[in-house]
Amino acid sequence: MAFWDERLSTVAVERALIAADASRAKRAAVVDQHAAIFILQGALDFLNRVLRGSDAGTGAME
């Protein structure tokens, strides 16, 4: 089990959607789905870094 801080995921997704010029209605329709994707991708990236660090024999994270 692990804890993952998701407090800023919605803010990050909102900013990305605004930068992509998504309408307010489109942002409202997809923000929760995209925030979930953002959180999952962050966790997967972290686990990948941890596993690659331990595979190198050093145990150090990049």
PDB file of N, CA and C in Angstrom:
ATOM      1  N   MET A   1       0.838  -1.153   0.000  1.00  0.00           N
ATOM      2  CA  MET A   1       0.000   0.000   0.000  1.00  0.00           C
ATOM      3  C   MET A   1       0.895   1.232   0.000  1.00  0.00           C
ATOM      4  N   ALA A   2       0.423   2.263  -0.677  1.00  0.00           N
ATOM      5  CA  ALA A   2       1.173   3.516  -0.733  1.00  0.00           C
ATOM      6  C   ALA A   2       0.203   4.683  -0.717  1.00  0.00           C
ATOM      7  N   PHE A   3       0.674   5.802  -0.217  1.00  0.00           N
ATOM      8  CA  PHE A   3      -0.119   7.021  -0.228  1.00  0.00           C
ATOM      9  C   PHE A   3       0.344   7.886  -1.389  1.00  0.00           C
ATOM     10  N   TRP A   4      -0.609   8.537  -2.057  1.00  0.00           N
ATOM     11  CA  TRP A   4      -0.271   9.379  -3.191  1.00  0.00           C
ATOM     12  C   TRP A   4      -1.014  10.697  -3.043  1.00  0.00           C
ATOM     13  N   ASP A   5      -0.302  11.802  -3.068  1.00  0.00           N
ATOM     14  CA  ASP A   5      -0.899  13.127  -2.913  1.00  0.00           C
ATOM     15  C   ASP A   5      -1.539  13.546  -4.232  1.00  0.00           C
ATOM     16  N   GLU A   6      -2.843  13.708  -4.218  1.00  0.00           N
ATOM     17  CA  GLU A   6      -3.564  14.046  -5.440  1.00  0.00           C
ATOM     18  C   GLU A   6      -4.169  15.448  -5.401  1.00  0.00           C
ATOM     19  N   ARG A   7      -3.779  16.243  -4.433  1.00  0.00           N
ATOM     20  CA  ARG A   7      -4.425  17.547  -4.237  1.00  0.00           C
ATOM     21  C   ARG A   7      -4.307  18.478  -5.427  1.00  0.00           C
ATOM     22  N   LEU A   8      -3.224  18.476  -6.137  1.00  0.00           N
ATOM     23  CA  LEU A   8      -3.038  19.433  -7.233  1.00  0.00           C
ATOM     24  C   LEU A   8      -3.314  18.843  -8.615  1.00  0.00           C
ATOM     25  N   SER A   9      -3.792  17.620  -8.670  1.00  0.00           N
ATOM     26  CA  SER A   9      -4.030  16.989  -9.973  1.00  0.00           C
ATOM     27  C   SER A   9      -5.096  17.729 -10.775  1.00  0.00           C
ATOM     28  N   THR A  10      -6.184  18.131 -10.135  1.00  0.00           N
ATOM     29  CA  THR A  10      -7.241  18.839 -10.852  1.00  0.00           C
ATOM     30  C   THR A  10      -6.741  20.182 -11.364  1.00  0.00           C
ATOM     31  N   VAL A  11      -5.957  20.882 -10.569  1.00  0.00           N
ATOM     32  CA  VAL A  11      -5.407  22.175 -10.992  1.00  0.00           C
ATOM     33  C   VAL A  11      -4.497  21.987 -12.202  1.00  0.00           C
ATOM     34  N   ALA A  12      -3.638  20.984 -12.165  1.00  0.00           N
ATOM     35  CA  ALA A  12      -2.727  20.727 -13.282  1.00  0.00           C
ATOM     36  C   ALA A  12      -3.498  20.394 -14.550  1.00  0.00           C
ATOM     37  N   VAL A  13      -4.532  19.588 -14.419  1.00  0.00           N
ATOM     38  CA  VAL A  13      -5.339  19.204 -15.582  1.00  0.00           C
ATOM     39  C   VAL A  13      -6.094  20.412 -16.126  1.00  0.00           C
ATOM     40  N   GLU A  14      -6.670  21.220 -15.240  1.00  0.00           N
ATOM     41  CA  GLU A  14      -7.377  22.433 -15.677  1.00  0.00           C
ATOM     42  C   GLU A  14      -6.431  23.328 -16.482  1.00  0.00           C
ATOM     43  N   ARG A  15      -5.226  23.521 -15.989  1.00  0.00           N
ATOM     44  CA  ARG A  15      -4.254  24.366 -16.702  1.00  0.00           C
ATOM     45  C   ARG A  15      -3.904  23.788 -18.068  1.00  0.00           C
ATOM     46  N   ALA A  16      -3.733  22.473 -18.128  1.00  0.00           N
ATOM     47  CA  ALA A  16      -3.406  21.840 -19.411  1.00  0.00           C
ATOM     48  C   ALA A  16      -4.568  21.969 -20.400  1.00  0.00           C
ATOM     49  N   LEU A  17      -5.783  21.806 -19.915  1.00  0.00           N
ATOM     50  CA  LEU A  17      -6.951  21.929 -20.795  1.00  0.00           C
ATOM     51  C   LEU A  17      -7.141  23.365 -21.268  1.00  0.00           C
ATOM     52  N   ILE A  18      -6.889  24.326 -20.394  1.00  0.00           N
ATOM     53  CA  ILE A  18      -6.969  25.734 -20.793  1.00  0.00           C
ATOM     54  C   ILE A  18      -5.909  26.035 -21.846  1.00  0.00           C
ATOM     55  N   ALA A  19      -4.701  25.519 -21.637  1.00  0.00           N
ATOM     56  CA  ALA A  19      -3.622  25.721 -22.608  1.00  0.00           C
ATOM     57  C   ALA A  19      -3.958  25.089 -23.956  1.00  0.00           C
ATOM     58  N   ALA A  20      -4.740  24.005 -23.919  1.00  0.00           N
ATOM     59  CA  ALA A  20      -5.158  23.339 -25.156  1.00  0.00           C
ATOM     60  C   ALA A  20      -6.401  24.001 -25.756  1.00  0.00           C
ATOM     61  N   ASP A  21      -6.833  25.100 -25.148  1.00  0.00           N
ATOM     62  CA  ASP A  21      -7.976  25.887 -25.615  1.00  0.00           C
ATOM     63  C   ASP A  21      -9.287  25.105 -25.590  1.00  0.00           C
ATOM     64  N   ALA A  22      -9.441  24.242 -24.584  1.00  0.00           N
ATOM     65  CA  ALA A  22     -10.688  23.496 -24.415  1.00  0.00           C
ATOM     66  C   ALA A  22     -11.747  24.431 -23.832  1.00  0.00           C
ATOM     67  N   SER A  23     -12.953  24.299 -24.310  1.00  0.00           N
ATOM     68  CA  SER A  23     -14.044  25.145 -23.814  1.00  0.00           C
ATOM     69  C   SER A  23     -14.346  24.812 -22.352  1.00  0.00           C
ATOM     70  N   ARG A  24     -15.022  25.725 -21.697  1.00  0.00           N
ATOM     71  CA  ARG A  24     -15.395  25.521 -20.291  1.00  0.00           C
ATOM     72  C   ARG A  24     -16.265  24.266 -20.144  1.00  0.00           C
ATOM     73  N   ALA A  25     -17.192  24.069 -21.070  1.00  0.00           N
ATOM     74  CA  ALA A  25     -18.074  22.896 -21.024  1.00  0.00           C
ATOM     75  C   ALA A  25     -17.273  21.610 -21.210  1.00  0.00           C
ATOM     76  N   LYS A  26     -16.334  21.614 -22.144  1.00  0.00           N
ATOM     77  CA  LYS A  26     -15.496  20.433 -22.376  1.00  0.00           C
ATOM     78  C   LYS A  26     -14.633  20.134 -21.152  1.00  0.00           C
ATOM     79  N   ARG A  27     -14.060  21.181 -20.556  1.00  0.00           N
ATOM     80  CA  ARG A  27     -13.238  20.987 -19.353  1.00  0.00           C
ATOM     81  C   ARG A  27     -14.060  20.378 -18.230  1.00  0.00           C
ATOM     82  N   ALA A  28     -15.269  20.876 -18.034  1.00  0.00           N
ATOM     83  CA  ALA A  28     -16.134  20.358 -16.970  1.00  0.00           C
ATOM     84  C   ALA A  28     -16.481  18.893 -17.199  1.00  0.00           C
ATOM     85  N   ALA A  29     -16.616  18.518 -18.468  1.00  0.00           N
ATOM     86  CA  ALA A  29     -17.006  17.144 -18.795  1.00  0.00           C
ATOM     87  C   ALA A  29     -15.882  16.145 -18.589  1.00  0.00           C
ATOM     88  N   VAL A  30     -14.629  16.581 -18.718  1.00  0.00           N
ATOM     89  CA  VAL A  30     -13.517  15.616 -18.716  1.00  0.00           C
ATOM     90  C   VAL A  30     -12.514  15.794 -17.589  1.00  0.00           C
ATOM     91  N   VAL A  31     -12.650  16.838 -16.772  1.00  0.00           N
ATOM     92  CA  VAL A  31     -11.601  17.156 -15.799  1.00  0.00           C
ATOM     93  C   VAL A  31     -11.372  16.018 -14.802  1.00  0.00           C
ATOM     94  N   ASP A  32     -12.421  15.396 -14.310  1.00  0.00           N
ATOM     95  CA  ASP A  32     -12.238  14.311 -13.333  1.00  0.00           C
ATOM     96  C   ASP A  32     -11.553  13.098 -13.957  1.00  0.00           C
ATOM     97  N   GLN A  33     -11.938  12.760 -15.181  1.00  0.00           N
ATOM     98  CA  GLN A  33     -11.307  11.631 -15.870  1.00  0.00           C
ATOM     99  C   GLN A  33      -9.826  11.908 -16.113  1.00  0.00           C
ATOM    100  N   HIS A  34      -9.524  13.110 -16.564  1.00  0.00           N
ATOM    101  CA  HIS A  34      -8.135  13.452 -16.841  1.00  0.00           C
ATOM    102  C   HIS A  34      -7.311  13.555 -15.559  1.00  0.00           C
ATOM    103  N   ALA A  35      -7.925  14.007 -14.479  1.00  0.00           N
ATOM    104  CA  ALA A  35      -7.218  14.066 -13.202  1.00  0.00           C
ATOM    105  C   ALA A  35      -6.864  12.655 -12.732  1.00  0.00           C
ATOM    106  N   ALA A  36      -7.781  11.703 -12.920  1.00  0.00           N
ATOM    107  CA  ALA A  36      -7.500  10.315 -12.546  1.00  0.00           C
ATOM    108  C   ALA A  36      -6.343   9.762 -13.381  1.00  0.00           C
ATOM    109  N   ILE A  37      -6.319  10.078 -14.659  1.00  0.00           N
ATOM    110  CA  ILE A  37      -5.231   9.650 -15.542  1.00  0.00           C
ATOM    111  C   ILE A  37      -3.910  10.267 -15.085  1.00  0.00           C
ATOM    112  N   PHE A  38      -3.948  11.539 -14.736  1.00  0.00           N
ATOM    113  CA  PHE A  38      -2.768  12.266 -14.270  1.00  0.00           C
ATOM    114  C   PHE A  38      -2.194  11.619 -13.010  1.00  0.00           C
ATOM    115  N   ILE A  39      -3.074  11.276 -12.069  1.00  0.00           N
ATOM    116  CA  ILE A  39      -2.644  10.642 -10.817  1.00  0.00           C
ATOM    117  C   ILE A  39      -2.037   9.265 -11.097  1.00  0.00           C
ATOM    118  N   LEU A  40      -2.712   8.463 -11.901  1.00  0.00           N
ATOM    119  CA  LEU A  40      -2.222   7.120 -12.219  1.00  0.00           C
ATOM    120  C   LEU A  40      -0.879   7.178 -12.936  1.00  0.00           C
ATOM    121  N   GLN A  41      -0.740   8.089 -13.903  1.00  0.00           N
ATOM    122  CA  GLN A  41       0.517   8.187 -14.635  1.00  0.00           C
ATOM    123  C   GLN A  41       1.654   8.595 -13.709  1.00  0.00           C
ATOM    124  N   GLY A  42       1.391   9.504 -12.790  1.00  0.00           N
ATOM    125  CA  GLY A  42       2.415   9.912 -11.828  1.00  0.00           C
ATOM    126  C   GLY A  42       2.862   8.753 -10.960  1.00  0.00           C
ATOM    127  N   ALA A  43       1.906   7.953 -10.499  1.00  0.00           N
ATOM    128  CA  ALA A  43       2.242   6.794  -9.666  1.00  0.00           C
ATOM    129  C   ALA A  43       3.032   5.766 -10.464  1.00  0.00           C
ATOM    130  N   LEU A  44       2.622   5.517 -11.699  1.00  0.00           N
ATOM    131  CA  LEU A  44       3.342   4.546 -12.540  1.00  0.00           C
ATOM    132  C   LEU A  44       4.761   5.026 -12.845  1.00  0.00           C
ATOM    133  N   ASP A  45       4.911   6.309 -13.134  1.00  0.00           N
ATOM    134  CA  ASP A  45       6.251   6.860 -13.388  1.00  0.00           C
ATOM    135  C   ASP A  45       7.146   6.711 -12.163  1.00  0.00           C
ATOM    136  N   PHE A  46       6.589   6.989 -10.981  1.00  0.00           N
ATOM    137  CA  PHE A  46       7.349   6.850  -9.743  1.00  0.00           C
ATOM    138  C   PHE A  46       7.778   5.398  -9.534  1.00  0.00           C
ATOM    139  N   LEU A  47       6.852   4.462  -9.690  1.00  0.00           N
ATOM    140  CA  LEU A  47       7.187   3.050  -9.505  1.00  0.00           C
ATOM    141  C   LEU A  47       8.226   2.584 -10.517  1.00  0.00           C
ATOM    142  N   ASN A  48       8.130   3.076 -11.734  1.00  0.00           N
ATOM    143  CA  ASN A  48       9.112   2.725 -12.758  1.00  0.00           C
ATOM    144  C   ASN A  48      10.506   3.211 -12.360  1.00  0.00           C
ATOM    145  N   ARG A  49      10.591   4.442 -11.850  1.00  0.00           N
ATOM    146  CA  ARG A  49      11.892   4.966 -11.406  1.00  0.00           C
ATOM    147  C   ARG A  49      12.443   4.144 -10.250  1.00  0.00           C
ATOM    148  N   VAL A  50      11.587   3.763  -9.316  1.00  0.00           N
ATOM    149  CA  VAL A  50      12.021   2.971  -8.161  1.00  0.00           C
ATOM    150  C   VAL A  50      12.531   1.610  -8.622  1.00  0.00           C
ATOM    151  N   LEU A  51      11.786   0.964  -9.498  1.00  0.00           N
ATOM    152  CA  LEU A  51      12.187  -0.367  -9.965  1.00  0.00           C
ATOM    153  C   LEU A  51      13.464  -0.317 -10.791  1.00  0.00           C
ATOM    154  N   ARG A  52      13.616   0.682 -11.631  1.00  0.00           N
ATOM    155  CA  ARG A  52      14.849   0.797 -12.415  1.00  0.00           C
ATOM    156  C   ARG A  52      16.032   1.084 -11.510  1.00  0.00           C
ATOM    157  N   GLY A  53      15.823   1.847 -10.467  1.00  0.00           N
ATOM    158  CA  GLY A  53      16.903   2.148  -9.523  1.00  0.00           C
ATOM    159  C   GLY A  53      17.367   0.904  -8.798  1.00  0.00           C
ATOM    160  N   SER A  54      16.425   0.028  -8.416  1.00  0.00           N
ATOM    161  CA  SER A  54      16.815  -1.181  -7.701  1.00  0.00           C
ATOM    162  C   SER A  54      17.408  -2.216  -8.646  1.00  0.00           C
ATOM    163  N   ASP A  55      17.019  -2.186  -9.931  1.00  0.00           N
ATOM    164  CA  ASP A  55      17.601  -3.105 -10.912  1.00  0.00           C
ATOM    165  C   ASP A  55      19.065  -2.789 -11.186  1.00  0.00           C
ATOM    166  N   ALA A  56      19.432  -1.527 -11.012  1.00  0.00           N
ATOM    167  CA  ALA A  56      20.813  -1.121 -11.290  1.00  0.00           C
ATOM    168  C   ALA A  56      21.770  -1.597 -10.193  1.00  0.00           C
ATOM    169  N   GLY A  57      21.205  -2.122  -9.110  1.00  0.00           N
ATOM    170  CA  GLY A  57      22.064  -2.631  -8.053  1.00  0.00           C
ATOM    171  C   GLY A  57      22.466  -1.590  -7.029  1.00  0.00           C
ATOM    172  N   THR A  58      22.104  -0.325  -7.288  1.00  0.00           N
ATOM    173  CA  THR A  58      22.493   0.721  -6.353  1.00  0.00           C
ATOM    174  C   THR A  58      21.383   1.021  -5.364  1.00  0.00           C
ATOM    175  N   GLY A  59      20.142   0.752  -5.757  1.00  0.00           N
ATOM    176  CA  GLY A  59      19.010   1.070  -4.899  1.00  0.00           C
ATOM    177  C   GLY A  59      18.676   2.557  -4.903  1.00  0.00           C
ATOM    178  N   ALA A  60      19.434   3.339  -5.679  1.00  0.00           N
ATOM    179  CA  ALA A  60      19.199   4.776  -5.723  1.00  0.00           C
ATOM    180  C   ALA A  60      18.118   5.107  -6.740  1.00  0.00           C
ATOM    181  N   MET A  61      17.316   6.086  -6.403  1.00  0.00           N
ATOM    182  CA  MET A  61      16.305   6.559  -7.334  1.00  0.00           C
ATOM    183  C   MET A  61      16.881   7.670  -8.176  1.00  0.00           C
ATOM    184  N   GLU A  62      16.416   7.760  -9.409  1.00  0.00           N
ATOM    185  CA  GLU A  62      16.899   8.814 -10.300  1.00  0.00           C
ATOM    186  C   GLU A  62      16.217  10.123 -10.007  1.00  0.00           C
TER     187      GLU A  62
END
